Amino acid sequence: MRHRADVRCSSSSGRFLREGLCVNESELARTINKLRADYAEQLPVTVAQMEELWRRLVHAELPLAKLADLVRMAHSISGSGATFGLPGASQAARELESHLDQISAVGCPPGAAEQEAVSALLAALRQAALQR
């Protein structure tokens, strides 16, 4: 079976046939922009949840094992931020994840220096999440 290149659908401008489906470019662009806007709107809420989780970990309201949840959240933003148009959030989350990984590797509650560093990294992530 031959591989076919994309071809125009009928005479509709901005439509391409790909894998048997017609795709309207402007509709696709609107959908992508909507996904980006939704992500940007939700990100500050996620960062606030991360800050609350960190606060509870620092005050020993949660077991240290919950640090893995914070690492997972940072990792998720690290991977998705740039995809949704927030590269600063990706970078801030990557730095946060790296620092949290170091704390996790030690396996002890974070000391004052680590607490301060993570709080600063969370603040940087919060700022990056507000950039649009």
C-alpha atoms as a PDB file:
ATOM      1  CA  MET A   1       0.000   0.000   0.000  1.00  0.00           C
ATOM      2  CA  ARG A   2       1.323   3.430  -0.970  1.00  0.00           C
ATOM      3  CA  HIS A   3       1.726   6.230   1.550  1.00  0.00           C
ATOM      4  CA  ARG A   4      -0.296   9.225   0.434  1.00  0.00           C
ATOM      5  CA  ALA A   5       0.740  12.761   1.210  1.00  0.00           C
ATOM      6  CA  ASP A   6      -1.814  15.153   2.633  1.00  0.00           C
ATOM      7  CA  VAL A   7      -4.246  16.326  -0.042  1.00  0.00           C
ATOM      8  CA  ARG A   8      -6.802  19.081  -0.051  1.00  0.00           C
ATOM      9  CA  CYS A   9     -10.374  18.012   0.765  1.00  0.00           C
ATOM     10  CA  SER A  10     -12.792  18.905  -1.984  1.00  0.00           C
ATOM     11  CA  SER A  11     -12.663  22.626  -2.661  1.00  0.00           C
ATOM     12  CA  SER A  12     -12.855  23.839   0.941  1.00  0.00           C
ATOM     13  CA  SER A  13      -9.904  26.082   1.671  1.00  0.00           C
ATOM     14  CA  GLY A  14      -7.953  25.329   4.785  1.00  0.00           C
ATOM     15  CA  ARG A  15      -9.027  21.685   4.892  1.00  0.00           C
ATOM     16  CA  PHE A  16      -6.696  18.769   4.520  1.00  0.00           C
ATOM     17  CA  LEU A  17      -7.304  15.070   4.265  1.00  0.00           C
ATOM     18  CA  ARG A  18      -5.136  13.176   6.710  1.00  0.00           C
ATOM     19  CA  GLU A  19      -5.671   9.568   7.625  1.00  0.00           C
ATOM     20  CA  GLY A  20      -9.143   9.687   6.142  1.00  0.00           C
ATOM     21  CA  LEU A  21     -10.279  12.789   8.054  1.00  0.00           C
ATOM     22  CA  CYS A  22     -10.803  16.323   6.871  1.00  0.00           C
ATOM     23  CA  VAL A  23      -9.265  18.876   9.202  1.00  0.00           C
ATOM     24  CA  ASN A  24     -10.074  22.565   9.104  1.00  0.00           C
ATOM     25  CA  GLU A  25      -6.943  24.558   9.939  1.00  0.00           C
ATOM     26  CA  SER A  26      -8.754  27.460  11.593  1.00  0.00           C
ATOM     27  CA  GLU A  27     -10.866  25.073  13.680  1.00  0.00           C
ATOM     28  CA  LEU A  28      -7.716  23.242  14.720  1.00  0.00           C
ATOM     29  CA  ALA A  29      -6.036  26.535  15.663  1.00  0.00           C
ATOM     30  CA  ARG A  30      -9.077  27.558  17.745  1.00  0.00           C
ATOM     31  CA  THR A  31      -9.032  24.197  19.518  1.00  0.00           C
ATOM     32  CA  ILE A  32      -5.317  24.470  20.301  1.00  0.00           C
ATOM     33  CA  ASN A  33      -5.757  28.038  21.560  1.00  0.00           C
ATOM     34  CA  LYS A  34      -8.639  26.902  23.785  1.00  0.00           C
ATOM     35  CA  LEU A  35      -6.518  24.074  25.226  1.00  0.00           C
ATOM     36  CA  ARG A  36      -3.693  26.531  25.927  1.00  0.00           C
ATOM     37  CA  ALA A  37      -6.061  28.983  27.597  1.00  0.00           C
ATOM     38  CA  ASP A  38      -7.611  26.247  29.743  1.00  0.00           C
ATOM     39  CA  TYR A  39      -4.158  25.030  30.788  1.00  0.00           C
ATOM     40  CA  ALA A  40      -3.005  28.562  31.627  1.00  0.00           C
ATOM     41  CA  GLU A  41      -6.170  29.140  33.669  1.00  0.00           C
ATOM     42  CA  GLN A  42      -5.784  25.892  35.638  1.00  0.00           C
ATOM     43  CA  LEU A  43      -2.039  26.116  36.251  1.00  0.00           C
ATOM     44  CA  PRO A  44      -2.166  28.686  39.101  1.00  0.00           C
ATOM     45  CA  VAL A  45      -4.710  26.445  40.868  1.00  0.00           C
ATOM     46  CA  THR A  46      -2.361  23.479  40.523  1.00  0.00           C
ATOM     47  CA  VAL A  47       0.568  25.527  41.834  1.00  0.00           C
ATOM     48  CA  ALA A  48      -1.539  26.624  44.828  1.00  0.00           C
ATOM     49  CA  GLN A  49      -2.251  22.952  45.535  1.00  0.00           C
ATOM     50  CA  MET A  50       1.476  22.267  45.356  1.00  0.00           C
ATOM     51  CA  GLU A  51       2.212  25.098  47.769  1.00  0.00           C
ATOM     52  CA  GLU A  52      -0.366  23.753  50.212  1.00  0.00           C
ATOM     53  CA  LEU A  53       1.060  20.251  49.915  1.00  0.00           C
ATOM     54  CA  TRP A  54       4.543  21.614  50.615  1.00  0.00           C
ATOM     55  CA  ARG A  55       3.275  23.599  53.610  1.00  0.00           C
ATOM     56  CA  ARG A  56       1.675  20.472  55.051  1.00  0.00           C
ATOM     57  CA  LEU A  57       4.818  18.418  54.459  1.00  0.00           C
ATOM     58  CA  VAL A  58       6.996  21.029  56.165  1.00  0.00           C
ATOM     59  CA  HIS A  59       4.665  21.129  59.181  1.00  0.00           C
ATOM     60  CA  ALA A  60       4.618  17.313  59.359  1.00  0.00           C
ATOM     61  CA  GLU A  61       0.870  17.223  58.728  1.00  0.00           C
ATOM     62  CA  LEU A  62       1.545  14.651  56.014  1.00  0.00           C
ATOM     63  CA  PRO A  63       4.028  11.789  55.840  1.00  0.00           C
ATOM     64  CA  LEU A  64       7.240  12.441  53.933  1.00  0.00           C
ATOM     65  CA  ALA A  65       6.109   9.816  51.406  1.00  0.00           C
ATOM     66  CA  LYS A  66       3.688  12.448  50.078  1.00  0.00           C
ATOM     67  CA  LEU A  67       6.724  14.282  48.706  1.00  0.00           C
ATOM     68  CA  ALA A  68       6.386  11.911  45.732  1.00  0.00           C
ATOM     69  CA  ASP A  69       3.057  13.593  44.888  1.00  0.00           C
ATOM     70  CA  LEU A  70       4.774  16.963  44.759  1.00  0.00           C
ATOM     71  CA  VAL A  71       7.554  15.552  42.572  1.00  0.00           C
ATOM     72  CA  ARG A  72       4.940  14.074  40.213  1.00  0.00           C
ATOM     73  CA  MET A  73       3.100  17.387  39.950  1.00  0.00           C
ATOM     74  CA  ALA A  74       6.326  19.277  39.207  1.00  0.00           C
ATOM     75  CA  HIS A  75       7.285  16.649  36.637  1.00  0.00           C
ATOM     76  CA  SER A  76       3.916  16.988  34.928  1.00  0.00           C
ATOM     77  CA  ILE A  77       4.226  20.768  34.622  1.00  0.00           C
ATOM     78  CA  SER A  78       7.833  20.421  33.510  1.00  0.00           C
ATOM     79  CA  GLY A  79       6.685  18.339  30.576  1.00  0.00           C
ATOM     80  CA  SER A  80       3.478  20.148  29.696  1.00  0.00           C
ATOM     81  CA  GLY A  81       4.166  23.824  30.336  1.00  0.00           C
ATOM     82  CA  ALA A  82       6.077  24.543  27.130  1.00  0.00           C
ATOM     83  CA  THR A  83       3.640  22.445  25.118  1.00  0.00           C
ATOM     84  CA  PHE A  84       0.845  24.747  26.234  1.00  0.00           C
ATOM     85  CA  GLY A  85       2.784  27.962  25.667  1.00  0.00           C
ATOM     86  CA  LEU A  86       4.327  28.475  29.118  1.00  0.00           C
ATOM     87  CA  PRO A  87       8.029  27.614  28.754  1.00  0.00           C
ATOM     88  CA  GLY A  88       8.883  29.595  31.893  1.00  0.00           C
ATOM     89  CA  ALA A  89       6.599  27.346  33.909  1.00  0.00           C
ATOM     90  CA  SER A  90       8.286  24.280  32.411  1.00  0.00           C
ATOM     91  CA  GLN A  91      11.715  25.558  33.402  1.00  0.00           C
ATOM     92  CA  ALA A  92      10.626  26.555  36.915  1.00  0.00           C
ATOM     93  CA  ALA A  93       8.942  23.181  37.423  1.00  0.00           C
ATOM     94  CA  ARG A  94      12.041  21.365  36.135  1.00  0.00           C
ATOM     95  CA  GLU A  95      14.213  23.174  38.699  1.00  0.00           C
ATOM     96  CA  LEU A  96      11.683  22.430  41.443  1.00  0.00           C
ATOM     97  CA  GLU A  97      11.510  18.766  40.464  1.00  0.00           C
ATOM     98  CA  SER A  98      15.288  18.474  40.544  1.00  0.00           C
ATOM     99  CA  HIS A  99      15.460  19.968  44.028  1.00  0.00           C
ATOM    100  CA  LEU A 100      12.605  17.807  45.300  1.00  0.00           C
ATOM    101  CA  ASP A 101      14.314  14.716  43.867  1.00  0.00           C
ATOM    102  CA  GLN A 102      17.400  15.546  45.929  1.00  0.00           C
ATOM    103  CA  ILE A 103      15.315  15.905  49.096  1.00  0.00           C
ATOM    104  CA  SER A 104      13.514  12.673  48.329  1.00  0.00           C
ATOM    105  CA  ALA A 105      16.799  10.821  47.792  1.00  0.00           C
ATOM    106  CA  VAL A 106      17.984  11.790  51.277  1.00  0.00           C
ATOM    107  CA  GLY A 107      14.782  10.399  52.776  1.00  0.00           C
ATOM    108  CA  CYS A 108      14.758  12.780  55.740  1.00  0.00           C
ATOM    109  CA  PRO A 109      12.450  15.705  56.424  1.00  0.00           C
ATOM    110  CA  PRO A 110      13.777  18.847  54.751  1.00  0.00           C
ATOM    111  CA  GLY A 111      15.864  21.180  56.855  1.00  0.00           C
ATOM    112  CA  ALA A 112      15.504  24.951  56.981  1.00  0.00           C
ATOM    113  CA  ALA A 113      17.708  25.536  53.912  1.00  0.00           C
ATOM    114  CA  GLU A 114      15.754  23.022  51.827  1.00  0.00           C
ATOM    115  CA  GLN A 115      12.454  24.454  53.014  1.00  0.00           C
ATOM    116  CA  GLU A 116      13.529  27.942  52.006  1.00  0.00           C
ATOM    117  CA  ALA A 117      14.849  26.767  48.632  1.00  0.00           C
ATOM    118  CA  VAL A 118      11.670  24.847  47.764  1.00  0.00           C
ATOM    119  CA  SER A 119       9.483  27.739  48.883  1.00  0.00           C
ATOM    120  CA  ALA A 120      11.467  30.065  46.583  1.00  0.00           C
ATOM    121  CA  LEU A 121      11.185  27.600  43.693  1.00  0.00           C
ATOM    122  CA  LEU A 122       7.433  27.321  44.248  1.00  0.00           C
ATOM    123  CA  ALA A 123       7.174  31.123  44.241  1.00  0.00           C
ATOM    124  CA  ALA A 124       9.079  31.217  40.936  1.00  0.00           C
ATOM    125  CA  LEU A 125       6.712  28.599  39.526  1.00  0.00           C
ATOM    126  CA  ARG A 126       3.716  30.619  40.718  1.00  0.00           C
ATOM    127  CA  GLN A 127       5.089  33.714  38.933  1.00  0.00           C
ATOM    128  CA  ALA A 128       5.758  31.735  35.753  1.00  0.00           C
ATOM    129  CA  ALA A 129       2.237  30.296  35.890  1.00  0.00           C
ATOM    130  CA  LEU A 130       0.804  33.806  35.851  1.00  0.00           C
ATOM    131  CA  GLN A 131       2.714  34.816  32.690  1.00  0.00           C
ATOM    132  CA  ARG A 132       0.488  34.785  29.644  1.00  0.00           C
END
